[in-house]
C-alpha cells in the first residue's frame, strides 16, 4: 500500500546541480516525486 501510494504521488520538477565523473560542474532539471529520487537517478548517471 505504501509503494502504491508513493507511485500515485504527483511528480514535481526539481532543479539540480552536481559534478560529473570528469569533475565538471553540471546542472539541469528533472521531474520526480521527491529530492531523494532525483539524487538516486543522478548517481546512476555518474553525477554527484
ModelCIF file with pLDDT and N, C-alpha, C, O atoms, coordinates in Angstrom:
data_MODEL
#
_entry.id   MODEL 
#
_entity.id                         1 
_entity.type                       polymer 
_entity.pdbx_number_of_molecules   1 
#
_entity_poly.entity_id                      1 
_entity_poly.type                           'polypeptide(L)' 
_entity_poly.nstd_linkage                   no 
_entity_poly.nstd_monomer                   no 
_entity_poly.pdbx_seq_one_letter_code       
;(UNK)(UNK)(UNK)(UNK)(UNK)(UNK)(UNK)(UNK)(UNK)(UNK)(UNK)(UNK)(UNK)(UNK)(UNK)(UNK)
(UNK)(UNK)(UNK)(UNK)(UNK)(UNK)(UNK)(UNK)(UNK)(UNK)(UNK)(UNK)(UNK)(UNK)(UNK)(UNK)
(UNK)(UNK)(UNK)(UNK)(UNK)(UNK)(UNK)(UNK)(UNK)(UNK)(UNK)(UNK)(UNK)(UNK)(UNK)(UNK)
;
_entity_poly.pdbx_seq_one_letter_code_can   XXXXXXXXXXXXXXXXXXXXXXXXXXXXXXXXXXXXXXXXXXXXXXXX 
_entity_poly.pdbx_strand_id                 A 
#
loop_
_entity_poly_seq.entity_id 
_entity_poly_seq.num 
_entity_poly_seq.mon_id 
_entity_poly_seq.hetero 
1 1  UNK n 
1 2  UNK n 
1 3  UNK n 
1 4  UNK n 
1 5  UNK n 
1 6  UNK n 
1 7  UNK n 
1 8  UNK n 
1 9  UNK n 
1 10 UNK n 
1 11 UNK n 
1 12 UNK n 
1 13 UNK n 
1 14 UNK n 
1 15 UNK n 
1 16 UNK n 
1 17 UNK n 
1 18 UNK n 
1 19 UNK n 
1 20 UNK n 
1 21 UNK n 
1 22 UNK n 
1 23 UNK n 
1 24 UNK n 
1 25 UNK n 
1 26 UNK n 
1 27 UNK n 
1 28 UNK n 
1 29 UNK n 
1 30 UNK n 
1 31 UNK n 
1 32 UNK n 
1 33 UNK n 
1 34 UNK n 
1 35 UNK n 
1 36 UNK n 
1 37 UNK n 
1 38 UNK n 
1 39 UNK n 
1 40 UNK n 
1 41 UNK n 
1 42 UNK n 
1 43 UNK n 
1 44 UNK n 
1 45 UNK n 
1 46 UNK n 
1 47 UNK n 
1 48 UNK n 
#
_struct_asym.id          A 
_struct_asym.entity_id   1 
#
loop_
_ma_qa_metric.id 
_ma_qa_metric.mode 
_ma_qa_metric.name 
_ma_qa_metric.software_group_id 
_ma_qa_metric.type 
1 global pLDDT . pLDDT 
2 local  pLDDT . pLDDT 
#
_ma_qa_metric_global.metric_id      1 
_ma_qa_metric_global.metric_value   73.06 
_ma_qa_metric_global.model_id       1 
_ma_qa_metric_global.ordinal_id     1 
#
loop_
_ma_qa_metric_local.label_asym_id 
_ma_qa_metric_local.label_comp_id 
_ma_qa_metric_local.label_seq_id 
_ma_qa_metric_local.metric_id 
_ma_qa_metric_local.metric_value 
_ma_qa_metric_local.model_id 
_ma_qa_metric_local.ordinal_id 
A UNK 1  2 40.00 1 1  
A UNK 2  2 43.00 1 2  
A UNK 3  2 45.00 1 3  
A UNK 4  2 42.00 1 4  
A UNK 5  2 43.00 1 5  
A UNK 6  2 42.00 1 6  
A UNK 7  2 45.00 1 7  
A UNK 8  2 48.00 1 8  
A UNK 9  2 57.00 1 9  
A UNK 10 2 61.00 1 10 
A UNK 11 2 64.00 1 11 
A UNK 12 2 70.00 1 12 
A UNK 13 2 71.00 1 13 
A UNK 14 2 77.00 1 14 
A UNK 15 2 80.00 1 15 
A UNK 16 2 82.00 1 16 
A UNK 17 2 86.00 1 17 
A UNK 18 2 86.00 1 18 
A UNK 19 2 86.00 1 19 
A UNK 20 2 85.00 1 20 
A UNK 21 2 82.00 1 21 
A UNK 22 2 82.00 1 22 
A UNK 23 2 81.00 1 23 
A UNK 24 2 84.00 1 24 
A UNK 25 2 83.00 1 25 
A UNK 26 2 83.00 1 26 
A UNK 27 2 81.00 1 27 
A UNK 28 2 77.00 1 28 
A UNK 29 2 73.00 1 29 
A UNK 30 2 74.00 1 30 
A UNK 31 2 71.00 1 31 
A UNK 32 2 73.00 1 32 
A UNK 33 2 75.00 1 33 
A UNK 34 2 79.00 1 34 
A UNK 35 2 79.00 1 35 
A UNK 36 2 82.00 1 36 
A UNK 37 2 82.00 1 37 
A UNK 38 2 80.00 1 38 
A UNK 39 2 82.00 1 39 
A UNK 40 2 84.00 1 40 
A UNK 41 2 82.00 1 41 
A UNK 42 2 83.00 1 42 
A UNK 43 2 84.00 1 43 
A UNK 44 2 82.00 1 44 
A UNK 45 2 82.00 1 45 
A UNK 46 2 83.00 1 46 
A UNK 47 2 86.00 1 47 
A UNK 48 2 85.00 1 48 
#
loop_
_atom_site.group_PDB 
_atom_site.id 
_atom_site.type_symbol 
_atom_site.label_atom_id 
_atom_site.label_alt_id 
_atom_site.label_comp_id 
_atom_site.label_asym_id 
_atom_site.label_entity_id 
_atom_site.label_seq_id 
_atom_site.pdbx_PDB_ins_code 
_atom_site.Cartn_x 
_atom_site.Cartn_y 
_atom_site.Cartn_z 
_atom_site.occupancy 
_atom_site.B_iso_or_equiv 
_atom_site.pdbx_formal_charge 
_atom_site.auth_seq_id 
_atom_site.auth_comp_id 
_atom_site.auth_asym_id 
_atom_site.auth_atom_id 
_atom_site.pdbx_PDB_model_num 
ATOM 1   N N  . UNK A 1 1  ? 0.827  -1.205 0.000   1.00 40.00 ? 1  UNK A N  1 
ATOM 2   C CA . UNK A 1 1  ? 0.000  0.000  0.000   1.00 40.00 ? 1  UNK A CA 1 
ATOM 3   C C  . UNK A 1 1  ? 0.862  1.256  0.000   1.00 40.00 ? 1  UNK A C  1 
ATOM 4   O O  . UNK A 1 1  ? 0.557  2.242  -0.671  1.00 40.00 ? 1  UNK A O  1 
ATOM 5   N N  . UNK A 1 2  ? 1.979  1.195  0.792   1.00 43.00 ? 2  UNK A N  1 
ATOM 6   C CA . UNK A 1 2  ? 2.873  2.351  0.849   1.00 43.00 ? 2  UNK A CA 1 
ATOM 7   C C  . UNK A 1 2  ? 3.503  2.598  -0.517  1.00 43.00 ? 2  UNK A C  1 
ATOM 8   O O  . UNK A 1 2  ? 3.612  3.743  -0.956  1.00 43.00 ? 2  UNK A O  1 
ATOM 9   N N  . UNK A 1 3  ? 3.915  1.529  -1.184  1.00 45.00 ? 3  UNK A N  1 
ATOM 10  C CA . UNK A 1 3  ? 4.516  1.662  -2.506  1.00 45.00 ? 3  UNK A CA 1 
ATOM 11  C C  . UNK A 1 3  ? 3.517  2.221  -3.523  1.00 45.00 ? 3  UNK A C  1 
ATOM 12  O O  . UNK A 1 3  ? 3.854  3.061  -4.358  1.00 45.00 ? 3  UNK A O  1 
ATOM 13  N N  . UNK A 1 4  ? 2.269  1.724  -3.426  1.00 42.00 ? 4  UNK A N  1 
ATOM 14  C CA . UNK A 1 4  ? 1.232  2.187  -4.347  1.00 42.00 ? 4  UNK A CA 1 
ATOM 15  C C  . UNK A 1 4  ? 0.948  3.664  -4.152  1.00 42.00 ? 4  UNK A C  1 
ATOM 16  O O  . UNK A 1 4  ? 0.788  4.409  -5.119  1.00 42.00 ? 4  UNK A O  1 
ATOM 17  N N  . UNK A 1 5  ? 0.886  4.092  -2.868  1.00 43.00 ? 5  UNK A N  1 
ATOM 18  C CA . UNK A 1 5  ? 0.603  5.500  -2.578  1.00 43.00 ? 5  UNK A CA 1 
ATOM 19  C C  . UNK A 1 5  ? 1.748  6.379  -3.050  1.00 43.00 ? 5  UNK A C  1 
ATOM 20  O O  . UNK A 1 5  ? 1.534  7.514  -3.476  1.00 43.00 ? 5  UNK A O  1 
ATOM 21  N N  . UNK A 1 6  ? 2.991  5.840  -2.973  1.00 42.00 ? 6  UNK A N  1 
ATOM 22  C CA . UNK A 1 6  ? 4.135  6.623  -3.436  1.00 42.00 ? 6  UNK A CA 1 
ATOM 23  C C  . UNK A 1 6  ? 4.075  6.817  -4.941  1.00 42.00 ? 6  UNK A C  1 
ATOM 24  O O  . UNK A 1 6  ? 4.416  7.884  -5.451  1.00 42.00 ? 6  UNK A O  1 
ATOM 25  N N  . UNK A 1 7  ? 3.633  5.768  -5.660  1.00 45.00 ? 7  UNK A N  1 
ATOM 26  C CA . UNK A 1 7  ? 3.538  5.851  -7.113  1.00 45.00 ? 7  UNK A CA 1 
ATOM 27  C C  . UNK A 1 7  ? 2.485  6.873  -7.529  1.00 45.00 ? 7  UNK A C  1 
ATOM 28  O O  . UNK A 1 7  ? 2.616  7.537  -8.557  1.00 45.00 ? 7  UNK A O  1 
ATOM 29  N N  . UNK A 1 8  ? 1.423  6.989  -6.698  1.00 48.00 ? 8  UNK A N  1 
ATOM 30  C CA . UNK A 1 8  ? 0.334  7.873  -7.049  1.00 48.00 ? 8  UNK A CA 1 
ATOM 31  C C  . UNK A 1 8  ? 0.597  9.325  -6.675  1.00 48.00 ? 8  UNK A C  1 
ATOM 32  O O  . UNK A 1 8  ? -0.191 10.211 -7.009  1.00 48.00 ? 8  UNK A O  1 
ATOM 33  N N  . UNK A 1 9  ? 1.730  9.574  -5.966  1.00 57.00 ? 9  UNK A N  1 
ATOM 34  C CA . UNK A 1 9  ? 2.075  10.942 -5.615  1.00 57.00 ? 9  UNK A CA 1 
ATOM 35  C C  . UNK A 1 9  ? 2.372  11.739 -6.887  1.00 57.00 ? 9  UNK A C  1 
ATOM 36  O O  . UNK A 1 9  ? 2.944  11.222 -7.846  1.00 57.00 ? 9  UNK A O  1 
ATOM 37  N N  . UNK A 1 10 ? 1.975  12.986 -6.868  1.00 61.00 ? 10 UNK A N  1 
ATOM 38  C CA . UNK A 1 10 ? 2.190  13.824 -8.038  1.00 61.00 ? 10 UNK A CA 1 
ATOM 39  C C  . UNK A 1 10 ? 3.652  14.221 -8.148  1.00 61.00 ? 10 UNK A C  1 
ATOM 40  O O  . UNK A 1 10 ? 4.267  14.639 -7.167  1.00 61.00 ? 10 UNK A O  1 
ATOM 41  N N  . UNK A 1 11 ? 4.202  14.089 -9.340  1.00 64.00 ? 11 UNK A N  1 
ATOM 42  C CA . UNK A 1 11 ? 5.594  14.446 -9.555  1.00 64.00 ? 11 UNK A CA 1 
ATOM 43  C C  . UNK A 1 11 ? 5.744  15.954 -9.724  1.00 64.00 ? 11 UNK A C  1 
ATOM 44  O O  . UNK A 1 11 ? 4.846  16.639 -10.214 1.00 64.00 ? 11 UNK A O  1 
ATOM 45  N N  . UNK A 1 12 ? 6.919  16.454 -9.300  1.00 70.00 ? 12 UNK A N  1 
ATOM 46  C CA . UNK A 1 12 ? 7.252  17.864 -9.442  1.00 70.00 ? 12 UNK A CA 1 
ATOM 47  C C  . UNK A 1 12 ? 8.562  17.970 -10.221 1.00 70.00 ? 12 UNK A C  1 
ATOM 48  O O  . UNK A 1 12 ? 9.278  16.986 -10.410 1.00 70.00 ? 12 UNK A O  1 
ATOM 49  N N  . UNK A 1 13 ? 8.849  19.183 -10.661 1.00 71.00 ? 13 UNK A N  1 
ATOM 50  C CA . UNK A 1 13 ? 10.099 19.427 -11.374 1.00 71.00 ? 13 UNK A CA 1 
ATOM 51  C C  . UNK A 1 13 ? 11.129 19.950 -10.380 1.00 71.00 ? 13 UNK A C  1 
ATOM 52  O O  . UNK A 1 13 ? 10.863 20.906 -9.650  1.00 71.00 ? 13 UNK A O  1 
ATOM 53  N N  . UNK A 1 14 ? 12.321 19.317 -10.349 1.00 77.00 ? 14 UNK A N  1 
ATOM 54  C CA . UNK A 1 14 ? 13.402 19.714 -9.450  1.00 77.00 ? 14 UNK A CA 1 
ATOM 55  C C  . UNK A 1 14 ? 14.580 20.251 -10.261 1.00 77.00 ? 14 UNK A C  1 
ATOM 56  O O  . UNK A 1 14 ? 14.947 19.696 -11.297 1.00 77.00 ? 14 UNK A O  1 
ATOM 57  N N  . UNK A 1 15 ? 15.160 21.339 -9.768  1.00 80.00 ? 15 UNK A N  1 
ATOM 58  C CA . UNK A 1 15 ? 16.386 21.877 -10.353 1.00 80.00 ? 15 UNK A CA 1 
ATOM 59  C C  . UNK A 1 15 ? 17.572 21.328 -9.562  1.00 80.00 ? 15 UNK A C  1 
ATOM 60  O O  . UNK A 1 15 ? 17.580 21.376 -8.332  1.00 80.00 ? 15 UNK A O  1 
ATOM 61  N N  . UNK A 1 16 ? 18.573 20.808 -10.273 1.00 82.00 ? 16 UNK A N  1 
ATOM 62  C CA . UNK A 1 16 ? 19.714 20.204 -9.578  1.00 82.00 ? 16 UNK A CA 1 
ATOM 63  C C  . UNK A 1 16 ? 21.042 20.727 -10.126 1.00 82.00 ? 16 UNK A C  1 
ATOM 64  O O  . UNK A 1 16 ? 21.143 21.151 -11.277 1.00 82.00 ? 16 UNK A O  1 
ATOM 65  N N  . UNK A 1 17 ? 22.052 20.681 -9.262  1.00 86.00 ? 17 UNK A N  1 
ATOM 66  C CA . UNK A 1 17 ? 23.435 20.988 -9.648  1.00 86.00 ? 17 UNK A CA 1 
ATOM 67  C C  . UNK A 1 17 ? 24.322 19.886 -9.106  1.00 86.00 ? 17 UNK A C  1 
ATOM 68  O O  . UNK A 1 17 ? 24.087 19.368 -8.015  1.00 86.00 ? 17 UNK A O  1 
ATOM 69  N N  . UNK A 1 18 ? 25.340 19.528 -9.870  1.00 86.00 ? 18 UNK A N  1 
ATOM 70  C CA . UNK A 1 18 ? 26.219 18.450 -9.440  1.00 86.00 ? 18 UNK A CA 1 
ATOM 71  C C  . UNK A 1 18 ? 27.527 18.440 -10.193 1.00 86.00 ? 18 UNK A C  1 
ATOM 72  O O  . UNK A 1 18 ? 27.834 19.362 -10.949 1.00 86.00 ? 18 UNK A O  1 
ATOM 73  N N  . UNK A 1 19 ? 28.305 17.370 -9.973  1.00 86.00 ? 19 UNK A N  1 
ATOM 74  C CA . UNK A 1 19 ? 29.620 17.209 -10.610 1.00 86.00 ? 19 UNK A CA 1 
ATOM 75  C C  . UNK A 1 19 ? 29.644 15.840 -11.282 1.00 86.00 ? 19 UNK A C  1 
ATOM 76  O O  . UNK A 1 19 ? 29.287 14.838 -10.663 1.00 86.00 ? 19 UNK A O  1 
ATOM 77  N N  . UNK A 1 20 ? 30.068 15.793 -12.561 1.00 85.00 ? 20 UNK A N  1 
ATOM 78  C CA . UNK A 1 20 ? 30.117 14.510 -13.262 1.00 85.00 ? 20 UNK A CA 1 
ATOM 79  C C  . UNK A 1 20 ? 31.438 13.785 -13.019 1.00 85.00 ? 20 UNK A C  1 
ATOM 80  O O  . UNK A 1 20 ? 32.265 14.231 -12.224 1.00 85.00 ? 20 UNK A O  1 
ATOM 81  N N  . UNK A 1 21 ? 31.625 12.677 -13.704 1.00 82.00 ? 21 UNK A N  1 
ATOM 82  C CA . UNK A 1 21 ? 32.821 11.846 -13.464 1.00 82.00 ? 21 UNK A CA 1 
ATOM 83  C C  . UNK A 1 21 ? 34.115 12.563 -13.848 1.00 82.00 ? 21 UNK A C  1 
ATOM 84  O O  . UNK A 1 21 ? 35.179 12.274 -13.301 1.00 82.00 ? 21 UNK A O  1 
ATOM 85  N N  . UNK A 1 22 ? 34.012 13.497 -14.791 1.00 82.00 ? 22 UNK A N  1 
ATOM 86  C CA . UNK A 1 22 ? 35.206 14.238 -15.214 1.00 82.00 ? 22 UNK A CA 1 
ATOM 87  C C  . UNK A 1 22 ? 35.500 15.436 -14.315 1.00 82.00 ? 22 UNK A C  1 
ATOM 88  O O  . UNK A 1 22 ? 36.454 16.176 -14.558 1.00 82.00 ? 22 UNK A O  1 
ATOM 89  N N  . UNK A 1 23 ? 34.687 15.627 -13.282 1.00 81.00 ? 23 UNK A N  1 
ATOM 90  C CA . UNK A 1 23 ? 34.890 16.743 -12.361 1.00 81.00 ? 23 UNK A CA 1 
ATOM 91  C C  . UNK A 1 23 ? 34.285 18.051 -12.850 1.00 81.00 ? 23 UNK A C  1 
ATOM 92  O O  . UNK A 1 23 ? 34.531 19.105 -12.265 1.00 81.00 ? 23 UNK A O  1 
ATOM 93  N N  . UNK A 1 24 ? 33.495 17.990 -13.919 1.00 84.00 ? 24 UNK A N  1 
ATOM 94  C CA . UNK A 1 24 ? 32.876 19.202 -14.456 1.00 84.00 ? 24 UNK A CA 1 
ATOM 95  C C  . UNK A 1 24 ? 31.548 19.480 -13.752 1.00 84.00 ? 24 UNK A C  1 
ATOM 96  O O  . UNK A 1 24 ? 30.795 18.564 -13.421 1.00 84.00 ? 24 UNK A O  1 
ATOM 97  N N  . UNK A 1 25 ? 31.284 20.767 -13.535 1.00 83.00 ? 25 UNK A N  1 
ATOM 98  C CA . UNK A 1 25 ? 30.019 21.157 -12.922 1.00 83.00 ? 25 UNK A CA 1 
ATOM 99  C C  . UNK A 1 25 ? 28.900 21.080 -13.954 1.00 83.00 ? 25 UNK A C  1 
ATOM 100 O O  . UNK A 1 25 ? 29.031 21.610 -15.057 1.00 83.00 ? 25 UNK A O  1 
ATOM 101 N N  . UNK A 1 26 ? 27.813 20.430 -13.599 1.00 83.00 ? 26 UNK A N  1 
ATOM 102 C CA . UNK A 1 26 ? 26.661 20.296 -14.497 1.00 83.00 ? 26 UNK A CA 1 
ATOM 103 C C  . UNK A 1 26 ? 25.393 20.663 -13.733 1.00 83.00 ? 26 UNK A C  1 
ATOM 104 O O  . UNK A 1 26 ? 25.361 20.613 -12.503 1.00 83.00 ? 26 UNK A O  1 
ATOM 105 N N  . UNK A 1 27 ? 24.363 21.027 -14.465 1.00 81.00 ? 27 UNK A N  1 
ATOM 106 C CA . UNK A 1 27 ? 23.081 21.355 -13.839 1.00 81.00 ? 27 UNK A CA 1 
ATOM 107 C C  . UNK A 1 27 ? 21.957 21.029 -14.800 1.00 81.00 ? 27 UNK A C  1 
ATOM 108 O O  . UNK A 1 27 ? 22.178 20.840 -15.996 1.00 81.00 ? 27 UNK A O  1 
ATOM 109 N N  . UNK A 1 28 ? 20.747 20.965 -14.265 1.00 77.00 ? 28 UNK A N  1 
ATOM 110 C CA . UNK A 1 28 ? 19.600 20.651 -15.105 1.00 77.00 ? 28 UNK A CA 1 
ATOM 111 C C  . UNK A 1 28 ? 18.338 20.550 -14.287 1.00 77.00 ? 28 UNK A C  1 
ATOM 112 O O  . UNK A 1 28 ? 18.318 20.921 -13.113 1.00 77.00 ? 28 UNK A O  1 
ATOM 113 N N  . UNK A 1 29 ? 17.286 20.050 -14.899 1.00 73.00 ? 29 UNK A N  1 
ATOM 114 C CA . UNK A 1 29 ? 16.010 19.860 -14.212 1.00 73.00 ? 29 UNK A CA 1 
ATOM 115 C C  . UNK A 1 29 ? 15.542 18.434 -14.441 1.00 73.00 ? 29 UNK A C  1 
ATOM 116 O O  . UNK A 1 29 ? 15.868 17.817 -15.455 1.00 73.00 ? 29 UNK A O  1 
ATOM 117 N N  . UNK A 1 30 ? 14.773 17.915 -13.486 1.00 74.00 ? 30 UNK A N  1 
ATOM 118 C CA . UNK A 1 30 ? 14.293 16.533 -13.582 1.00 74.00 ? 30 UNK A CA 1 
ATOM 119 C C  . UNK A 1 30 ? 12.969 16.405 -12.850 1.00 74.00 ? 30 UNK A C  1 
ATOM 120 O O  . UNK A 1 30 ? 12.841 16.875 -11.720 1.00 74.00 ? 30 UNK A O  1 
ATOM 121 N N  . UNK A 1 31 ? 11.980 15.775 -13.477 1.00 71.00 ? 31 UNK A N  1 
ATOM 122 C CA . UNK A 1 31 ? 10.724 15.525 -12.778 1.00 71.00 ? 31 UNK A CA 1 
ATOM 123 C C  . UNK A 1 31 ? 10.853 14.311 -11.861 1.00 71.00 ? 31 UNK A C  1 
ATOM 124 O O  . UNK A 1 31 ? 11.418 13.291 -12.256 1.00 71.00 ? 31 UNK A O  1 
ATOM 125 N N  . UNK A 1 32 ? 10.336 14.415 -10.653 1.00 73.00 ? 32 UNK A N  1 
ATOM 126 C CA . UNK A 1 32 ? 10.404 13.305 -9.700  1.00 73.00 ? 32 UNK A CA 1 
ATOM 127 C C  . UNK A 1 32 ? 9.404  13.555 -8.584  1.00 73.00 ? 32 UNK A C  1 
ATOM 128 O O  . UNK A 1 32 ? 8.841  14.643 -8.464  1.00 73.00 ? 32 UNK A O  1 
ATOM 129 N N  . UNK A 1 33 ? 9.191  12.509 -7.755  1.00 75.00 ? 33 UNK A N  1 
ATOM 130 C CA . UNK A 1 33 ? 8.280  12.636 -6.618  1.00 75.00 ? 33 UNK A CA 1 
ATOM 131 C C  . UNK A 1 33 ? 8.916  13.471 -5.514  1.00 75.00 ? 33 UNK A C  1 
ATOM 132 O O  . UNK A 1 33 ? 8.262  14.331 -4.923  1.00 75.00 ? 33 UNK A O  1 
ATOM 133 N N  . UNK A 1 34 ? 10.201 13.215 -5.238  1.00 79.00 ? 34 UNK A N  1 
ATOM 134 C CA . UNK A 1 34 ? 10.899 13.961 -4.190  1.00 79.00 ? 34 UNK A CA 1 
ATOM 135 C C  . UNK A 1 34 ? 12.372 14.097 -4.569  1.00 79.00 ? 34 UNK A C  1 
ATOM 136 O O  . UNK A 1 34 ? 12.815 13.579 -5.594  1.00 79.00 ? 34 UNK A O  1 
ATOM 137 N N  . UNK A 1 35 ? 13.135 14.819 -3.707  1.00 79.00 ? 35 UNK A N  1 
ATOM 138 C CA . UNK A 1 35 ? 14.549 15.087 -3.974  1.00 79.00 ? 35 UNK A CA 1 
ATOM 139 C C  . UNK A 1 35 ? 15.381 13.811 -3.938  1.00 79.00 ? 35 UNK A C  1 
ATOM 140 O O  . UNK A 1 35 ? 16.348 13.685 -4.689  1.00 79.00 ? 35 UNK A O  1 
ATOM 141 N N  . UNK A 1 36 ? 15.015 12.858 -3.072  1.00 82.00 ? 36 UNK A N  1 
ATOM 142 C CA . UNK A 1 36 ? 15.776 11.603 -2.979  1.00 82.00 ? 36 UNK A CA 1 
ATOM 143 C C  . UNK A 1 36 ? 15.748 10.837 -4.296  1.00 82.00 ? 36 UNK A C  1 
ATOM 144 O O  . UNK A 1 36 ? 16.746 10.236 -4.693  1.00 82.00 ? 36 UNK A O  1 
ATOM 145 N N  . UNK A 1 37 ? 14.611 10.862 -4.963  1.00 82.00 ? 37 UNK A N  1 
ATOM 146 C CA . UNK A 1 37 ? 14.504 10.170 -6.253  1.00 82.00 ? 37 UNK A CA 1 
ATOM 147 C C  . UNK A 1 37 ? 15.425 10.815 -7.291  1.00 82.00 ? 37 UNK A C  1 
ATOM 148 O O  . UNK A 1 37 ? 16.039 10.124 -8.103  1.00 82.00 ? 37 UNK A O  1 
ATOM 149 N N  . UNK A 1 38 ? 15.514 12.154 -7.254  1.00 80.00 ? 38 UNK A N  1 
ATOM 150 C CA . UNK A 1 38 ? 16.399 12.869 -8.175  1.00 80.00 ? 38 UNK A CA 1 
ATOM 151 C C  . UNK A 1 38 ? 17.851 12.492 -7.907  1.00 80.00 ? 38 UNK A C  1 
ATOM 152 O O  . UNK A 1 38 ? 18.606 12.205 -8.836  1.00 80.00 ? 38 UNK A O  1 
ATOM 153 N N  . UNK A 1 39 ? 18.241 12.495 -6.618  1.00 82.00 ? 39 UNK A N  1 
ATOM 154 C CA . UNK A 1 39 ? 19.629 12.152 -6.262  1.00 82.00 ? 39 UNK A CA 1 
ATOM 155 C C  . UNK A 1 39 ? 19.979 10.734 -6.689  1.00 82.00 ? 39 UNK A C  1 
ATOM 156 O O  . UNK A 1 39 ? 21.074 10.481 -7.191  1.00 82.00 ? 39 UNK A O  1 
ATOM 157 N N  . UNK A 1 40 ? 19.056 9.821  -6.489  1.00 84.00 ? 40 UNK A N  1 
ATOM 158 C CA . UNK A 1 40 ? 19.290 8.430  -6.874  1.00 84.00 ? 40 UNK A CA 1 
ATOM 159 C C  . UNK A 1 40 ? 19.469 8.306  -8.384  1.00 84.00 ? 40 UNK A C  1 
ATOM 160 O O  . UNK A 1 40 ? 20.358 7.592  -8.850  1.00 84.00 ? 40 UNK A O  1 
ATOM 161 N N  . UNK A 1 41 ? 18.614 9.009  -9.160  1.00 82.00 ? 41 UNK A N  1 
ATOM 162 C CA . UNK A 1 41 ? 18.710 8.957  -10.624 1.00 82.00 ? 41 UNK A CA 1 
ATOM 163 C C  . UNK A 1 41 ? 20.016 9.580  -11.104 1.00 82.00 ? 41 UNK A C  1 
ATOM 164 O O  . UNK A 1 41 ? 20.619 9.090  -12.060 1.00 82.00 ? 41 UNK A O  1 
ATOM 165 N N  . UNK A 1 42 ? 20.462 10.656 -10.454 1.00 83.00 ? 42 UNK A N  1 
ATOM 166 C CA . UNK A 1 42 ? 21.711 11.311 -10.861 1.00 83.00 ? 42 UNK A CA 1 
ATOM 167 C C  . UNK A 1 42 ? 22.920 10.422 -10.570 1.00 83.00 ? 42 UNK A C  1 
ATOM 168 O O  . UNK A 1 42 ? 23.847 10.355 -11.378 1.00 83.00 ? 42 UNK A O  1 
ATOM 169 N N  . UNK A 1 43 ? 22.918 9.740  -9.424  1.00 84.00 ? 43 UNK A N  1 
ATOM 170 C CA . UNK A 1 43 ? 24.046 8.845  -9.089  1.00 84.00 ? 43 UNK A CA 1 
ATOM 171 C C  . UNK A 1 43 ? 24.149 7.705  -10.092 1.00 84.00 ? 43 UNK A C  1 
ATOM 172 O O  . UNK A 1 43 ? 25.249 7.275  -10.439 1.00 84.00 ? 43 UNK A O  1 
ATOM 173 N N  . UNK A 1 44 ? 22.993 7.211  -10.564 1.00 82.00 ? 44 UNK A N  1 
ATOM 174 C CA . UNK A 1 44 ? 23.016 6.146  -11.574 1.00 82.00 ? 44 UNK A CA 1 
ATOM 175 C C  . UNK A 1 44 ? 23.655 6.636  -12.870 1.00 82.00 ? 44 UNK A C  1 
ATOM 176 O O  . UNK A 1 44 ? 24.237 5.844  -13.611 1.00 82.00 ? 44 UNK A O  1 
ATOM 177 N N  . UNK A 1 45 ? 23.550 7.948  -13.151 1.00 82.00 ? 45 UNK A N  1 
ATOM 178 C CA . UNK A 1 45 ? 24.149 8.532  -14.349 1.00 82.00 ? 45 UNK A CA 1 
ATOM 179 C C  . UNK A 1 45 ? 25.593 8.961  -14.141 1.00 82.00 ? 45 UNK A C  1 
ATOM 180 O O  . UNK A 1 45 ? 26.214 9.518  -15.046 1.00 82.00 ? 45 UNK A O  1 
ATOM 181 N N  . UNK A 1 46 ? 26.136 8.701  -12.941 1.00 83.00 ? 46 UNK A N  1 
ATOM 182 C CA . UNK A 1 46 ? 27.522 9.063  -12.659 1.00 83.00 ? 46 UNK A CA 1 
ATOM 183 C C  . UNK A 1 46 ? 27.704 10.507 -12.258 1.00 83.00 ? 46 UNK A C  1 
ATOM 184 O O  . UNK A 1 46 ? 28.805 11.047 -12.364 1.00 83.00 ? 46 UNK A O  1 
ATOM 185 N N  . UNK A 1 47 ? 26.633 11.144 -11.797 1.00 86.00 ? 47 UNK A N  1 
ATOM 186 C CA . UNK A 1 47 ? 26.694 12.548 -11.372 1.00 86.00 ? 47 UNK A CA 1 
ATOM 187 C C  . UNK A 1 47 ? 26.530 12.609 -9.860  1.00 86.00 ? 47 UNK A C  1 
ATOM 188 O O  . UNK A 1 47 ? 25.601 12.028 -9.299  1.00 86.00 ? 47 UNK A O  1 
ATOM 189 N N  . UNK A 1 48 ? 27.452 13.327 -9.203  1.00 85.00 ? 48 UNK A N  1 
ATOM 190 C CA . UNK A 1 48 ? 27.348 13.517 -7.756  1.00 85.00 ? 48 UNK A CA 1 
ATOM 191 C C  . UNK A 1 48 ? 26.522 14.768 -7.485  1.00 85.00 ? 48 UNK A C  1 
ATOM 192 O O  . UNK A 1 48 ? 26.303 15.124 -6.327  1.00 85.00 ? 48 UNK A O  1 
#
